Amino acid sequence: MTEGSASDNGGERLSGAEIGKDAVQATIEAAAGTVGEVATIVTNAVRDVATAIGDFATEVFEIREASRKAAEDAAQDAADQPIPAVEQQLDD
């Protein structure tokens, strides 16, 4: 806008206070938008971290269960072995 020209509000000129108010309002709107963007980024990051930790915990539980089953199978295999005769035990 050039000096002495009218604004779009019916030919009235904007006062310095109104110009300052508009600048502050635009600044606050821009800050609010930026805060919203950052909050969305942080929210997504927290969700992704929680998902990764949950997936890791699931893996740990599966490994623990597989280890337990392997130990049970080994114990069962040992139980299925026939007990050697007394003579065989003495020869060892």
C-alpha atoms as a PDB file:
ATOM      1  CA  MET A   1       0.000   0.000   0.000  1.00  0.00           C
ATOM      2  CA  THR A   2       1.375   3.393  -0.911  1.00  0.00           C
ATOM      3  CA  GLU A   3       1.329   6.400   1.367  1.00  0.00           C
ATOM      4  CA  GLY A   4      -2.003   8.157   1.314  1.00  0.00           C
ATOM      5  CA  SER A   5      -3.924   5.272  -0.268  1.00  0.00           C
ATOM      6  CA  ALA A   6      -7.058   3.835   1.283  1.00  0.00           C
ATOM      7  CA  SER A   7      -7.306   0.329   2.686  1.00  0.00           C
ATOM      8  CA  ASP A   8      -9.920  -2.193   1.590  1.00  0.00           C
ATOM      9  CA  ASN A   9     -12.212  -1.300   4.504  1.00  0.00           C
ATOM     10  CA  GLY A  10     -14.397   1.361   2.925  1.00  0.00           C
ATOM     11  CA  GLY A  11     -11.701   3.904   2.185  1.00  0.00           C
ATOM     12  CA  GLU A  12     -10.611   4.323   5.796  1.00  0.00           C
ATOM     13  CA  ARG A  13      -6.926   4.366   6.624  1.00  0.00           C
ATOM     14  CA  LEU A  14      -5.631   1.882   9.193  1.00  0.00           C
ATOM     15  CA  SER A  15      -4.309   3.353  12.396  1.00  0.00           C
ATOM     16  CA  GLY A  16      -0.939   2.392  13.777  1.00  0.00           C
ATOM     17  CA  ALA A  17      -2.668   0.523  16.605  1.00  0.00           C
ATOM     18  CA  GLU A  18      -4.746  -1.525  14.170  1.00  0.00           C
ATOM     19  CA  ILE A  19      -1.682  -2.335  12.065  1.00  0.00           C
ATOM     20  CA  GLY A  20       0.136  -3.428  15.235  1.00  0.00           C
ATOM     21  CA  LYS A  21      -2.859  -5.526  16.306  1.00  0.00           C
ATOM     22  CA  ASP A  22      -2.953  -7.227  12.896  1.00  0.00           C
ATOM     23  CA  ALA A  23       0.780  -7.966  13.084  1.00  0.00           C
ATOM     24  CA  VAL A  24       0.435  -9.457  16.558  1.00  0.00           C
ATOM     25  CA  GLN A  25      -2.580 -11.510  15.455  1.00  0.00           C
ATOM     26  CA  ALA A  26      -0.724 -12.873  12.406  1.00  0.00           C
ATOM     27  CA  THR A  27       2.281 -13.715  14.591  1.00  0.00           C
ATOM     28  CA  ILE A  28       0.130 -15.580  17.109  1.00  0.00           C
ATOM     29  CA  GLU A  29      -1.648 -17.487  14.326  1.00  0.00           C
ATOM     30  CA  ALA A  30       1.704 -18.493  12.804  1.00  0.00           C
ATOM     31  CA  ALA A  31       3.029 -19.566  16.210  1.00  0.00           C
ATOM     32  CA  ALA A  32      -0.109 -21.614  16.898  1.00  0.00           C
ATOM     33  CA  GLY A  33       0.248 -23.356  13.541  1.00  0.00           C
ATOM     34  CA  THR A  34       3.895 -24.143  14.238  1.00  0.00           C
ATOM     35  CA  VAL A  35       3.104 -25.455  17.725  1.00  0.00           C
ATOM     36  CA  GLY A  36       0.429 -27.668  16.185  1.00  0.00           C
ATOM     37  CA  GLU A  37       2.883 -29.057  13.631  1.00  0.00           C
ATOM     38  CA  VAL A  38       5.504 -29.750  16.295  1.00  0.00           C
ATOM     39  CA  ALA A  39       2.901 -31.401  18.544  1.00  0.00           C
ATOM     40  CA  THR A  40       1.880 -33.675  15.670  1.00  0.00           C
ATOM     41  CA  ILE A  41       5.525 -34.616  15.032  1.00  0.00           C
ATOM     42  CA  VAL A  42       6.121 -35.368  18.721  1.00  0.00           C
ATOM     43  CA  THR A  43       2.874 -37.340  18.995  1.00  0.00           C
ATOM     44  CA  ASN A  44       3.799 -39.477  15.996  1.00  0.00           C
ATOM     45  CA  ALA A  45       7.314 -40.023  17.353  1.00  0.00           C
ATOM     46  CA  VAL A  46       5.995 -41.138  20.743  1.00  0.00           C
ATOM     47  CA  ARG A  47       3.555 -43.512  19.032  1.00  0.00           C
ATOM     48  CA  ASP A  48       6.337 -44.966  16.859  1.00  0.00           C
ATOM     49  CA  VAL A  49       8.600 -45.493  19.889  1.00  0.00           C
ATOM     50  CA  ALA A  50       5.776 -47.185  21.807  1.00  0.00           C
ATOM     51  CA  THR A  51       5.120 -49.468  18.838  1.00  0.00           C
ATOM     52  CA  ALA A  52       8.804 -50.396  18.554  1.00  0.00           C
ATOM     53  CA  ILE A  53       9.045 -51.174  22.280  1.00  0.00           C
ATOM     54  CA  GLY A  54       5.862 -53.250  22.107  1.00  0.00           C
ATOM     55  CA  ASP A  55       7.213 -55.201  19.140  1.00  0.00           C
ATOM     56  CA  PHE A  56      10.462 -55.815  21.014  1.00  0.00           C
ATOM     57  CA  ALA A  57       8.578 -57.053  24.087  1.00  0.00           C
ATOM     58  CA  THR A  58       6.603 -59.448  21.883  1.00  0.00           C
ATOM     59  CA  GLU A  59       9.864 -60.815  20.459  1.00  0.00           C
ATOM     60  CA  VAL A  60      11.250 -61.305  23.984  1.00  0.00           C
ATOM     61  CA  PHE A  61       8.131 -63.223  25.051  1.00  0.00           C
ATOM     62  CA  GLU A  62       8.333 -65.415  21.932  1.00  0.00           C
ATOM     63  CA  ILE A  63      12.036 -66.137  22.543  1.00  0.00           C
ATOM     64  CA  ARG A  64      11.338 -66.971  26.190  1.00  0.00           C
ATOM     65  CA  GLU A  65       8.504 -69.340  25.202  1.00  0.00           C
ATOM     66  CA  ALA A  66      10.674 -71.041  22.566  1.00  0.00           C
ATOM     67  CA  SER A  67      13.473 -71.443  25.118  1.00  0.00           C
ATOM     68  CA  ARG A  68      11.066 -72.938  27.653  1.00  0.00           C
ATOM     69  CA  LYS A  69       9.714 -75.408  25.079  1.00  0.00           C
ATOM     70  CA  ALA A  70      13.242 -76.393  24.053  1.00  0.00           C
ATOM     71  CA  ALA A  71      14.168 -77.035  27.692  1.00  0.00           C
ATOM     72  CA  GLU A  72      11.023 -79.135  28.173  1.00  0.00           C
ATOM     73  CA  ASP A  73      11.778 -81.114  25.003  1.00  0.00           C
ATOM     74  CA  ALA A  74      15.347 -81.728  26.173  1.00  0.00           C
ATOM     75  CA  ALA A  75      14.087 -82.890  29.566  1.00  0.00           C
ATOM     76  CA  GLN A  76      11.533 -85.164  27.880  1.00  0.00           C
ATOM     77  CA  ASP A  77      14.221 -86.618  25.601  1.00  0.00           C
ATOM     78  CA  ALA A  78      16.367 -87.317  28.651  1.00  0.00           C
ATOM     79  CA  ALA A  79      13.390 -88.961  30.387  1.00  0.00           C
ATOM     80  CA  ASP A  80      12.762 -91.145  27.345  1.00  0.00           C
ATOM     81  CA  GLN A  81      16.272 -92.601  27.510  1.00  0.00           C
ATOM     82  CA  PRO A  82      16.272 -96.043  29.082  1.00  0.00           C
ATOM     83  CA  ILE A  83      18.053 -96.354  32.407  1.00  0.00           C
ATOM     84  CA  PRO A  84      21.196 -98.417  31.848  1.00  0.00           C
ATOM     85  CA  ALA A  85      21.521-101.695  33.611  1.00  0.00           C
ATOM     86  CA  VAL A  86      23.481-101.748  36.846  1.00  0.00           C
ATOM     87  CA  GLU A  87      26.359-103.566  35.146  1.00  0.00           C
ATOM     88  CA  GLN A  88      26.593-100.886  32.467  1.00  0.00           C
ATOM     89  CA  GLN A  89      26.624 -98.150  35.080  1.00  0.00           C
ATOM     90  CA  LEU A  90      29.452 -99.822  36.943  1.00  0.00           C
ATOM     91  CA  ASP A  91      31.504-100.221  33.761  1.00  0.00           C
ATOM     92  CA  ASP A  92      31.437 -96.470  33.125  1.00  0.00           C
END
